[in-house]
């Protein structure tokens, strides 16, 4: 089955950390750029970070030095380590593959 499945969202206090994971199945994972996007209520979906097949990473300015994207081609997974979380990071986070697949999304809420 061709799909992306995210996990790891939840509620965290400001300054806390969360790690999101995305498991890909049914695609040639290792050849695709993989990305994490997010969408907050009333806002457009935006790129958070992406990682190419060769491991080059790109980050939105708002998350630089706080978030780290990584991939494990042996496990068909891409992860997003989120540190120093802020209330404005609250959103539904989506995994995306270069061939146009999207996951179902996972909610991240940063609140005290």
C-alpha atoms as a PDB file:
ATOM      1  CA  UNK A   1       0.000   0.000   0.000  1.00  0.00           C
ATOM      2  CA  UNK A   2       1.350   3.429  -1.011  1.00  0.00           C
ATOM      3  CA  UNK A   3       1.153   5.728   1.989  1.00  0.00           C
ATOM      4  CA  UNK A   4       2.871   8.005   4.476  1.00  0.00           C
ATOM      5  CA  UNK A   5       1.958   7.638   8.144  1.00  0.00           C
ATOM      6  CA  UNK A   6       2.993  10.251  10.703  1.00  0.00           C
ATOM      7  CA  UNK A   7       3.320   9.749  14.434  1.00  0.00           C
ATOM      8  CA  UNK A   8       4.652  11.574  17.464  1.00  0.00           C
ATOM      9  CA  UNK A   9       2.445  14.618  17.790  1.00  0.00           C
ATOM     10  CA  UNK A  10       0.917  15.782  21.046  1.00  0.00           C
ATOM     11  CA  UNK A  11       0.664  18.500  23.646  1.00  0.00           C
ATOM     12  CA  UNK A  12       3.850  20.054  24.984  1.00  0.00           C
ATOM     13  CA  UNK A  13       4.697  23.096  27.078  1.00  0.00           C
ATOM     14  CA  UNK A  14       6.592  26.042  25.596  1.00  0.00           C
ATOM     15  CA  UNK A  15      10.293  25.271  25.538  1.00  0.00           C
ATOM     16  CA  UNK A  16       9.666  21.551  25.308  1.00  0.00           C
ATOM     17  CA  UNK A  17      10.529  19.016  22.634  1.00  0.00           C
ATOM     18  CA  UNK A  18       8.746  16.557  20.392  1.00  0.00           C
ATOM     19  CA  UNK A  19       9.914  14.132  17.735  1.00  0.00           C
ATOM     20  CA  UNK A  20       7.739  13.408  14.729  1.00  0.00           C
ATOM     21  CA  UNK A  21       8.238  10.370  12.537  1.00  0.00           C
ATOM     22  CA  UNK A  22       6.888   9.465   9.117  1.00  0.00           C
ATOM     23  CA  UNK A  23       6.919   5.909   7.820  1.00  0.00           C
ATOM     24  CA  UNK A  24       6.718   5.517   4.064  1.00  0.00           C
ATOM     25  CA  UNK A  25       5.486   2.397   2.339  1.00  0.00           C
ATOM     26  CA  UNK A  26       5.032   1.440  -1.286  1.00  0.00           C
ATOM     27  CA  UNK A  27       7.467   4.013  -2.674  1.00  0.00           C
ATOM     28  CA  UNK A  28      11.173   4.063  -3.549  1.00  0.00           C
ATOM     29  CA  UNK A  29      11.801   6.123  -0.445  1.00  0.00           C
ATOM     30  CA  UNK A  30      15.536   6.538  -0.863  1.00  0.00           C
ATOM     31  CA  UNK A  31      15.325   8.442  -4.155  1.00  0.00           C
ATOM     32  CA  UNK A  32      12.836  11.085  -3.033  1.00  0.00           C
ATOM     33  CA  UNK A  33      13.178  14.394  -1.286  1.00  0.00           C
ATOM     34  CA  UNK A  34      11.037  14.205   1.840  1.00  0.00           C
ATOM     35  CA  UNK A  35       9.504  17.129   3.639  1.00  0.00           C
ATOM     36  CA  UNK A  36       7.562  18.234   6.672  1.00  0.00           C
ATOM     37  CA  UNK A  37       4.867  20.889   6.282  1.00  0.00           C
ATOM     38  CA  UNK A  38       2.487  22.409   8.786  1.00  0.00           C
ATOM     39  CA  UNK A  39      -0.853  24.154   8.727  1.00  0.00           C
ATOM     40  CA  UNK A  40      -2.173  26.266  11.560  1.00  0.00           C
ATOM     41  CA  UNK A  41      -5.873  27.167  11.834  1.00  0.00           C
ATOM     42  CA  UNK A  42      -6.785  29.859   9.317  1.00  0.00           C
ATOM     43  CA  UNK A  43      -3.378  29.768   7.662  1.00  0.00           C
ATOM     44  CA  UNK A  44      -1.926  28.223   4.539  1.00  0.00           C
ATOM     45  CA  UNK A  45       0.148  25.084   4.653  1.00  0.00           C
ATOM     46  CA  UNK A  46       3.832  25.975   4.845  1.00  0.00           C
ATOM     47  CA  UNK A  47       7.131  24.186   4.448  1.00  0.00           C
ATOM     48  CA  UNK A  48       8.906  23.437   7.719  1.00  0.00           C
ATOM     49  CA  UNK A  49      11.888  21.426   6.478  1.00  0.00           C
ATOM     50  CA  UNK A  50      12.921  19.051   3.762  1.00  0.00           C
ATOM     51  CA  UNK A  51      15.756  16.640   3.101  1.00  0.00           C
ATOM     52  CA  UNK A  52      16.985  15.462  -0.276  1.00  0.00           C
ATOM     53  CA  UNK A  53      17.971  11.930  -1.197  1.00  0.00           C
ATOM     54  CA  UNK A  54      21.578  12.981  -0.657  1.00  0.00           C
ATOM     55  CA  UNK A  55      20.911  14.384   2.785  1.00  0.00           C
ATOM     56  CA  UNK A  56      20.870  18.105   2.007  1.00  0.00           C
ATOM     57  CA  UNK A  57      18.503  19.914   4.344  1.00  0.00           C
ATOM     58  CA  UNK A  58      16.451  23.087   4.019  1.00  0.00           C
ATOM     59  CA  UNK A  59      14.598  24.812   6.855  1.00  0.00           C
ATOM     60  CA  UNK A  60      12.059  27.565   7.174  1.00  0.00           C
ATOM     61  CA  UNK A  61      13.627  30.589   8.863  1.00  0.00           C
ATOM     62  CA  UNK A  62      11.155  30.289  11.726  1.00  0.00           C
ATOM     63  CA  UNK A  63      12.475  26.857  12.763  1.00  0.00           C
ATOM     64  CA  UNK A  64      16.200  27.138  11.991  1.00  0.00           C
ATOM     65  CA  UNK A  65      18.416  26.091  14.904  1.00  0.00           C
ATOM     66  CA  UNK A  66      15.402  24.570  16.716  1.00  0.00           C
ATOM     67  CA  UNK A  67      14.222  21.782  14.402  1.00  0.00           C
ATOM     68  CA  UNK A  68      16.253  19.012  12.779  1.00  0.00           C
ATOM     69  CA  UNK A  69      15.077  16.828   9.918  1.00  0.00           C
ATOM     70  CA  UNK A  70      16.688  13.441   9.316  1.00  0.00           C
ATOM     71  CA  UNK A  71      16.051  10.299   7.335  1.00  0.00           C
ATOM     72  CA  UNK A  72      16.766   6.584   7.655  1.00  0.00           C
ATOM     73  CA  UNK A  73      16.612   4.986   4.229  1.00  0.00           C
ATOM     74  CA  UNK A  74      16.924   1.492   5.697  1.00  0.00           C
ATOM     75  CA  UNK A  75      13.730   2.039   7.682  1.00  0.00           C
ATOM     76  CA  UNK A  76      11.900   4.231   5.137  1.00  0.00           C
ATOM     77  CA  UNK A  77      11.424   6.900   7.766  1.00  0.00           C
ATOM     78  CA  UNK A  78      11.899  10.643   7.956  1.00  0.00           C
ATOM     79  CA  UNK A  79      11.903  12.357  11.339  1.00  0.00           C
ATOM     80  CA  UNK A  80      11.584  15.881  12.660  1.00  0.00           C
ATOM     81  CA  UNK A  81      13.167  16.666  16.018  1.00  0.00           C
ATOM     82  CA  UNK A  82      11.567  19.808  17.398  1.00  0.00           C
ATOM     83  CA  UNK A  83      13.220  21.601  20.301  1.00  0.00           C
ATOM     84  CA  UNK A  84      12.520  24.894  22.064  1.00  0.00           C
ATOM     85  CA  UNK A  85       8.932  24.719  20.915  1.00  0.00           C
ATOM     86  CA  UNK A  86       6.850  27.901  20.869  1.00  0.00           C
ATOM     87  CA  UNK A  87       3.081  28.435  20.883  1.00  0.00           C
ATOM     88  CA  UNK A  88       3.336  29.590  17.281  1.00  0.00           C
ATOM     89  CA  UNK A  89       4.567  26.118  16.306  1.00  0.00           C
ATOM     90  CA  UNK A  90       1.083  24.815  17.035  1.00  0.00           C
ATOM     91  CA  UNK A  91      -0.267  23.242  13.856  1.00  0.00           C
ATOM     92  CA  UNK A  92      -1.076  20.012  12.091  1.00  0.00           C
ATOM     93  CA  UNK A  93       2.193  18.641  10.735  1.00  0.00           C
ATOM     94  CA  UNK A  94       2.210  16.724   7.464  1.00  0.00           C
ATOM     95  CA  UNK A  95       4.790  14.470   5.871  1.00  0.00           C
ATOM     96  CA  UNK A  96       5.295  14.825   2.122  1.00  0.00           C
ATOM     97  CA  UNK A  97       7.232  12.946  -0.510  1.00  0.00           C
ATOM     98  CA  UNK A  98       8.586  14.388  -3.739  1.00  0.00           C
ATOM     99  CA  UNK A  99       6.247  12.189  -5.798  1.00  0.00           C
ATOM    100  CA  UNK A 100       3.247  13.993  -4.339  1.00  0.00           C
ATOM    101  CA  UNK A 101       2.174  11.818  -1.423  1.00  0.00           C
ATOM    102  CA  UNK A 102       0.872  13.345   1.787  1.00  0.00           C
ATOM    103  CA  UNK A 103       0.325  11.802   5.186  1.00  0.00           C
ATOM    104  CA  UNK A 104      -2.831  12.252   7.211  1.00  0.00           C
ATOM    105  CA  UNK A 105      -1.197  14.764   9.550  1.00  0.00           C
ATOM    106  CA  UNK A 106      -0.398  14.815  13.251  1.00  0.00           C
ATOM    107  CA  UNK A 107      -1.426  17.559  15.670  1.00  0.00           C
ATOM    108  CA  UNK A 108       1.244  19.456  17.588  1.00  0.00           C
ATOM    109  CA  UNK A 109       0.001  21.794  20.314  1.00  0.00           C
ATOM    110  CA  UNK A 110       2.374  24.001  22.280  1.00  0.00           C
ATOM    111  CA  UNK A 111       0.641  25.460  25.292  1.00  0.00           C
ATOM    112  CA  UNK A 112       1.057  25.912  29.018  1.00  0.00           C
END
